[in-house]
Amino acid sequence: MADISAALVKELRERTGAGMMECKQALVRTAGNLEAAVEDLRTSGMAKADKKAGRQAAEGRIAAAHVGDTTVLLEVNCETDFVGKDGNFASFVERLAALAAGHATVDVDALAALPWPDGGTVEDARRLLVSRLGENITVRRLAASRWTQGPRDVYLHGHRIGVLVELEGGDDALAHDVALHVAASRPLCVRPEDVPADRVEAERRIFQGQAAESGKPPAIVQKMVEGRVQKFLSEVTLLGQPFVKDPQISVGDLLRRHKASVHLFVRMELGEGVERRTSDFAEDVRAQLRS
């Protein structure tokens, strides 16, 4: 067996981020060859990542980065809140957001293929982190935008909600207020005409069934339905919502006062749209130990 020095283990740890015992074992397997040990860890990390790929990942972090004229919002998921707060995981997400902004990357698949600063690709780094932390980790979604025509604001509510707002007209303070509103009120679109037609029709059918039970004449029923549709549209669209800091006015009113309009907004909430399973914590720990 090769004599593996502590200095060699330390160097491998610094290069790969893997645990001390994993580094020592890799060096033993490769007879102390540092480069071969790096490749060994990456290979074993990929195998472990593949094994964990089917496990649900709905926790994690949302990060933002701004490089040049590119702003990025990024969601990376893991399985537990514990790992979501881990320093290694947090560092990976923050570095990944900065890398995406620096390359003006707009696609998760393209991001995975980018070179990682510590060697290999982003996908290699992700797989190695899976190996180190013992959980499935997925880069779920990415929103990137270049905007130089007006104010812009990125707001992070902790690491669970991220909002990007771009305005035409107005100023940075207005952009920040709109971003705060978007974070709190979850608008679906900017204006009523942006709401998908199938969503409007689905709501209309529901309102139609509810109104029909009133027993009122068809003309009155139709007016009731249209009134409810308009109320729905004002509730789910940014311009129609009461401004969160002053509910006496709408966001549309606020923007008009500043002679501004919304060019774009993006809102990400951690794990939204992912069905979260309930589980027994002790059994989860036993499953982690068996894997």
Protein backbone atom coordinates (compact mmCIF):
# COMPACT_ATOMS: atom_id res chain seq x y z
CA MET A 1 0.00 0.00 0.00
CA ALA A 2 1.34 3.42 -0.90
CA ASP A 3 2.42 5.74 1.90
CA ILE A 4 -0.17 8.55 1.75
CA SER A 5 0.98 11.76 3.39
CA ALA A 6 -1.33 14.20 5.15
CA ALA A 7 -0.10 16.93 2.81
CA LEU A 8 -1.21 14.91 -0.22
CA VAL A 9 -4.64 14.29 1.31
CA LYS A 10 -4.92 18.01 2.08
CA GLU A 11 -4.05 18.96 -1.51
CA LEU A 12 -6.63 16.54 -2.90
CA ARG A 13 -9.27 17.92 -0.56
CA GLU A 14 -8.52 21.47 -1.67
CA ARG A 15 -8.77 20.49 -5.33
CA THR A 16 -11.96 18.43 -5.11
CA GLY A 17 -13.80 19.49 -1.97
CA ALA A 18 -14.32 15.82 -1.05
CA GLY A 19 -14.14 14.52 2.53
CA MET A 20 -10.85 13.59 4.16
CA MET A 21 -11.53 9.84 4.24
CA GLU A 22 -12.77 9.84 0.65
CA CYS A 23 -9.56 11.61 -0.43
CA LYS A 24 -7.36 9.19 1.48
CA GLN A 25 -9.18 6.17 0.03
CA ALA A 26 -8.90 7.58 -3.49
CA LEU A 27 -5.16 8.11 -3.04
CA VAL A 28 -4.77 4.56 -1.74
CA ARG A 29 -6.67 3.20 -4.76
CA THR A 30 -4.43 5.17 -7.12
CA ALA A 31 -1.14 4.45 -5.31
CA GLY A 32 -0.67 8.09 -4.35
CA ASN A 33 -1.12 9.49 -7.87
CA LEU A 34 -2.78 12.86 -7.31
CA GLU A 35 -4.18 13.34 -10.83
CA ALA A 36 -5.53 9.81 -10.93
CA ALA A 37 -7.11 10.35 -7.50
CA VAL A 38 -8.88 13.49 -8.77
CA GLU A 39 -10.30 11.46 -11.65
CA ASP A 40 -11.21 8.62 -9.28
CA LEU A 41 -13.20 10.97 -7.04
CA ARG A 42 -15.00 12.51 -9.99
CA THR A 43 -15.89 9.07 -11.31
CA SER A 44 -17.13 7.81 -7.94
CA GLY A 45 -19.00 11.08 -7.46
CA MET A 46 -20.81 10.55 -10.76
CA ALA A 47 -21.81 7.02 -9.75
CA LYS A 48 -23.20 8.21 -6.42
CA ALA A 49 -24.98 11.11 -8.12
CA ASP A 50 -26.64 8.73 -10.58
CA LYS A 51 -27.77 6.51 -7.70
CA LYS A 52 -29.39 9.45 -5.91
CA ALA A 53 -30.85 11.12 -9.02
CA GLY A 54 -34.35 9.73 -8.49
CA ARG A 55 -34.75 11.09 -4.97
CA GLN A 56 -36.99 14.08 -4.47
CA ALA A 57 -35.25 17.44 -4.13
CA ALA A 58 -37.52 20.32 -3.12
CA GLU A 59 -35.34 22.20 -0.62
CA GLY A 60 -32.23 24.22 -1.45
CA ARG A 61 -31.50 27.85 -2.28
CA ILE A 62 -32.32 30.62 -4.71
CA ALA A 63 -29.41 32.89 -5.61
CA ALA A 64 -28.91 35.97 -7.75
CA ALA A 65 -25.89 37.43 -9.51
CA HIS A 66 -25.19 40.45 -11.68
CA VAL A 67 -22.18 40.61 -14.01
CA GLY A 68 -21.89 43.32 -16.66
CA ASP A 69 -25.39 43.88 -17.99
CA THR A 70 -26.55 40.31 -17.24
CA THR A 71 -28.65 39.47 -14.19
CA VAL A 72 -29.38 35.88 -13.18
CA LEU A 73 -31.83 34.20 -10.83
CA LEU A 74 -31.06 30.57 -10.11
CA GLU A 75 -32.74 27.77 -8.14
CA VAL A 76 -30.72 24.77 -7.00
CA ASN A 77 -32.51 22.02 -5.06
CA CYS A 78 -31.45 19.45 -2.51
CA GLU A 79 -33.43 17.01 -0.39
CA THR A 80 -33.35 18.58 3.08
CA ASP A 81 -33.28 22.01 4.67
CA PHE A 82 -30.20 20.87 6.61
CA VAL A 83 -28.15 20.50 3.42
CA GLY A 84 -29.76 23.66 2.02
CA LYS A 85 -28.05 25.55 4.86
CA ASP A 86 -24.72 23.75 4.48
CA GLY A 87 -21.82 26.05 3.67
CA ASN A 88 -20.52 23.88 0.84
CA PHE A 89 -23.94 23.77 -0.81
CA ALA A 90 -24.45 27.52 -0.36
CA SER A 91 -21.02 28.25 -1.85
CA PHE A 92 -21.75 26.04 -4.85
CA VAL A 93 -25.05 27.84 -5.55
CA GLU A 94 -23.57 31.33 -5.20
CA ARG A 95 -20.58 30.49 -7.41
CA LEU A 96 -22.89 28.87 -9.95
CA ALA A 97 -25.09 31.98 -10.17
CA ALA A 98 -22.02 34.16 -10.71
CA LEU A 99 -20.72 31.78 -13.37
CA ALA A 100 -24.07 31.85 -15.19
CA ALA A 101 -24.13 35.66 -15.14
CA GLY A 102 -20.52 35.91 -16.25
CA HIS A 103 -21.24 33.72 -19.29
CA ALA A 104 -24.69 35.26 -19.91
CA THR A 105 -26.06 31.71 -19.78
CA VAL A 106 -29.81 31.36 -20.28
CA ASP A 107 -30.22 27.57 -20.24
CA VAL A 108 -29.69 24.99 -17.48
CA ASP A 109 -28.22 22.44 -19.89
CA ALA A 110 -25.74 24.98 -21.24
CA LEU A 111 -24.83 25.92 -17.67
CA ALA A 112 -24.06 22.28 -16.81
CA ALA A 113 -21.52 22.13 -19.64
CA LEU A 114 -19.58 25.25 -18.60
CA PRO A 115 -16.08 24.80 -17.17
CA TRP A 116 -16.01 24.86 -13.36
CA PRO A 117 -13.23 27.05 -11.89
CA ASP A 118 -11.87 24.14 -9.82
CA GLY A 119 -11.62 21.85 -12.84
CA GLY A 120 -14.00 19.78 -14.90
CA THR A 121 -17.47 21.06 -15.74
CA VAL A 122 -20.37 22.38 -13.69
CA GLU A 123 -21.95 18.93 -13.98
CA ASP A 124 -18.79 17.34 -12.60
CA ALA A 125 -18.87 19.75 -9.65
CA ARG A 126 -22.54 19.00 -9.01
CA ARG A 127 -21.95 15.27 -9.00
CA LEU A 128 -18.99 15.63 -6.67
CA LEU A 129 -21.14 17.69 -4.29
CA VAL A 130 -23.78 14.94 -4.35
CA SER A 131 -21.07 12.49 -3.36
CA ARG A 132 -19.83 14.73 -0.57
CA LEU A 133 -23.22 15.73 0.93
CA GLY A 134 -25.09 12.50 0.32
CA GLU A 135 -28.20 14.03 -1.22
CA ASN A 136 -29.66 14.47 -4.67
CA ILE A 137 -28.82 17.96 -5.93
CA THR A 138 -30.42 19.44 -9.03
CA VAL A 139 -29.99 22.72 -10.86
CA ARG A 140 -33.70 23.22 -11.44
CA ARG A 141 -34.13 26.51 -13.30
CA LEU A 142 -32.38 29.64 -14.43
CA ALA A 143 -33.65 33.05 -15.51
CA ALA A 144 -31.21 35.45 -17.13
CA SER A 145 -31.79 38.91 -18.58
CA ARG A 146 -29.81 41.74 -20.09
CA TRP A 147 -31.40 45.13 -19.50
CA THR A 148 -29.89 48.55 -20.05
CA GLN A 149 -33.00 50.61 -20.89
CA GLY A 150 -34.13 51.44 -17.38
CA PRO A 151 -34.00 50.64 -13.65
CA ARG A 152 -33.74 47.06 -12.47
CA ASP A 153 -33.90 45.43 -9.06
CA VAL A 154 -33.16 41.97 -7.70
CA TYR A 155 -34.72 41.11 -4.36
CA LEU A 156 -33.99 37.98 -2.32
CA HIS A 157 -36.26 37.12 0.59
CA GLY A 158 -33.84 34.99 2.52
CA HIS A 159 -32.88 32.25 0.10
CA ARG A 160 -36.40 30.98 -0.57
CA ILE A 161 -37.84 33.70 -2.82
CA GLY A 162 -36.08 35.61 -5.59
CA VAL A 163 -37.49 38.40 -7.75
CA LEU A 164 -36.11 40.26 -10.76
CA VAL A 165 -37.88 43.43 -11.94
CA GLU A 166 -37.02 45.62 -14.93
CA LEU A 167 -38.75 48.94 -15.58
CA GLU A 168 -39.04 51.42 -18.39
CA GLY A 169 -39.01 54.80 -16.66
CA GLY A 170 -39.06 55.38 -12.92
CA ASP A 171 -36.01 54.88 -10.72
CA ASP A 172 -34.21 52.27 -8.62
CA ALA A 173 -36.43 52.91 -5.58
CA LEU A 174 -39.56 52.26 -7.65
CA ALA A 175 -38.04 49.07 -9.10
CA HIS A 176 -37.27 47.89 -5.56
CA ASP A 177 -40.82 48.61 -4.37
CA VAL A 178 -42.26 46.65 -7.28
CA ALA A 179 -39.88 43.76 -6.54
CA LEU A 180 -41.02 43.71 -2.90
CA HIS A 181 -44.63 43.65 -4.09
CA VAL A 182 -43.99 40.78 -6.50
CA ALA A 183 -42.31 38.77 -3.73
CA ALA A 184 -45.26 39.29 -1.37
CA SER A 185 -48.24 39.10 -3.75
CA ARG A 186 -47.27 36.45 -6.32
CA PRO A 187 -48.71 38.00 -9.49
CA LEU A 188 -49.09 35.61 -12.40
CA CYS A 189 -48.51 38.14 -15.21
CA VAL A 190 -48.04 41.87 -15.72
CA ARG A 191 -51.40 42.65 -17.35
CA PRO A 192 -54.73 40.85 -18.03
CA GLU A 193 -53.96 40.16 -21.69
CA ASP A 194 -50.86 38.22 -20.59
CA VAL A 195 -52.86 35.61 -18.68
CA PRO A 196 -53.00 32.36 -20.70
CA ALA A 197 -56.36 31.95 -22.44
CA ASP A 198 -56.82 28.39 -21.16
CA ARG A 199 -56.40 29.61 -17.57
CA VAL A 200 -59.03 32.32 -18.10
CA GLU A 201 -61.45 29.84 -19.66
CA ALA A 202 -60.96 27.38 -16.82
CA GLU A 203 -61.82 30.08 -14.29
CA ARG A 204 -64.77 31.18 -16.43
CA ARG A 205 -66.23 27.64 -16.40
CA ILE A 206 -65.95 27.52 -12.61
CA PHE A 207 -67.66 30.89 -12.25
CA GLN A 208 -70.33 29.84 -14.75
CA GLY A 209 -71.20 26.78 -12.68
CA GLN A 210 -71.30 28.79 -9.47
CA ALA A 211 -73.46 31.56 -10.94
CA ALA A 212 -75.87 29.11 -12.57
CA GLU A 213 -76.80 27.79 -9.13
CA SER A 214 -78.13 31.21 -8.15
CA GLY A 215 -81.27 30.66 -10.21
CA LYS A 216 -81.03 34.14 -11.71
CA PRO A 217 -81.93 34.87 -15.35
CA PRO A 218 -79.25 33.99 -17.95
CA ALA A 219 -78.44 37.66 -18.68
CA ILE A 220 -77.78 38.31 -15.00
CA VAL A 221 -75.76 35.11 -14.72
CA GLN A 222 -73.58 36.23 -17.63
CA LYS A 223 -72.94 39.60 -15.98
CA MET A 224 -72.04 37.83 -12.74
CA VAL A 225 -69.59 35.59 -14.57
CA GLU A 226 -67.91 38.46 -16.41
CA GLY A 227 -67.62 40.43 -13.19
CA ARG A 228 -65.92 37.52 -11.45
CA VAL A 229 -63.57 36.98 -14.40
CA GLN A 230 -62.51 40.64 -14.26
CA LYS A 231 -61.99 40.37 -10.50
CA PHE A 232 -59.86 37.26 -11.02
CA LEU A 233 -57.74 39.04 -13.63
CA SER A 234 -57.12 42.01 -11.35
CA GLU A 235 -56.11 39.69 -8.51
CA VAL A 236 -53.55 37.68 -10.51
CA THR A 237 -52.01 40.46 -12.61
CA LEU A 238 -49.39 42.83 -11.30
CA LEU A 239 -50.98 46.05 -12.53
CA GLY A 240 -54.36 45.25 -10.98
CA GLN A 241 -53.17 44.21 -7.53
CA PRO A 242 -53.37 46.59 -4.54
CA PHE A 243 -49.84 47.86 -3.90
CA VAL A 244 -48.51 46.00 -0.88
CA LYS A 245 -47.11 49.15 0.77
CA ASP A 246 -50.27 51.22 0.12
CA PRO A 247 -53.37 49.09 -0.60
CA GLN A 248 -55.38 52.21 -1.42
CA ILE A 249 -53.73 52.29 -4.85
CA SER A 250 -52.95 49.59 -7.40
CA VAL A 251 -49.49 48.82 -8.73
CA GLY A 252 -50.74 50.20 -12.05
CA ASP A 253 -51.59 53.50 -10.31
CA LEU A 254 -48.14 53.57 -8.71
CA LEU A 255 -46.42 53.10 -12.04
CA ARG A 256 -48.54 55.74 -13.75
CA ARG A 257 -47.62 58.26 -11.05
CA HIS A 258 -43.97 57.69 -11.94
CA LYS A 259 -44.60 57.52 -15.70
CA ALA A 260 -43.13 54.04 -15.69
CA SER A 261 -44.03 50.58 -16.99
CA VAL A 262 -42.89 47.05 -16.26
CA HIS A 263 -40.68 45.55 -18.93
CA LEU A 264 -40.30 42.21 -17.14
CA PHE A 265 -40.60 40.48 -13.81
CA VAL A 266 -39.48 37.01 -12.74
CA ARG A 267 -40.44 35.43 -9.43
CA MET A 268 -38.96 32.19 -8.11
CA GLU A 269 -40.06 30.50 -4.92
CA LEU A 270 -38.08 27.55 -3.66
CA GLY A 271 -39.70 24.24 -4.54
CA GLU A 272 -42.85 25.72 -6.08
CA GLY A 273 -44.55 23.21 -8.32
CA VAL A 274 -42.72 20.29 -6.73
CA GLU A 275 -44.96 17.92 -4.83
CA ARG A 276 -43.37 17.54 -1.42
CA ARG A 277 -43.62 14.14 0.18
CA THR A 278 -44.14 13.60 3.88
CA SER A 279 -41.86 11.10 5.52
CA ASP A 280 -40.59 9.67 8.75
CA PHE A 281 -37.36 11.43 9.71
CA ALA A 282 -35.80 8.38 11.39
CA GLU A 283 -36.53 6.22 8.36
CA ASP A 284 -35.01 8.90 6.11
CA VAL A 285 -31.81 8.79 8.17
CA ARG A 286 -31.71 4.99 7.98
CA ALA A 287 -32.22 5.19 4.20
CA GLN A 288 -29.35 7.68 3.90
CA LEU A 289 -27.07 5.33 5.85
CA ARG A 290 -28.04 2.37 3.64
CA SER A 291 -27.36 4.27 0.36
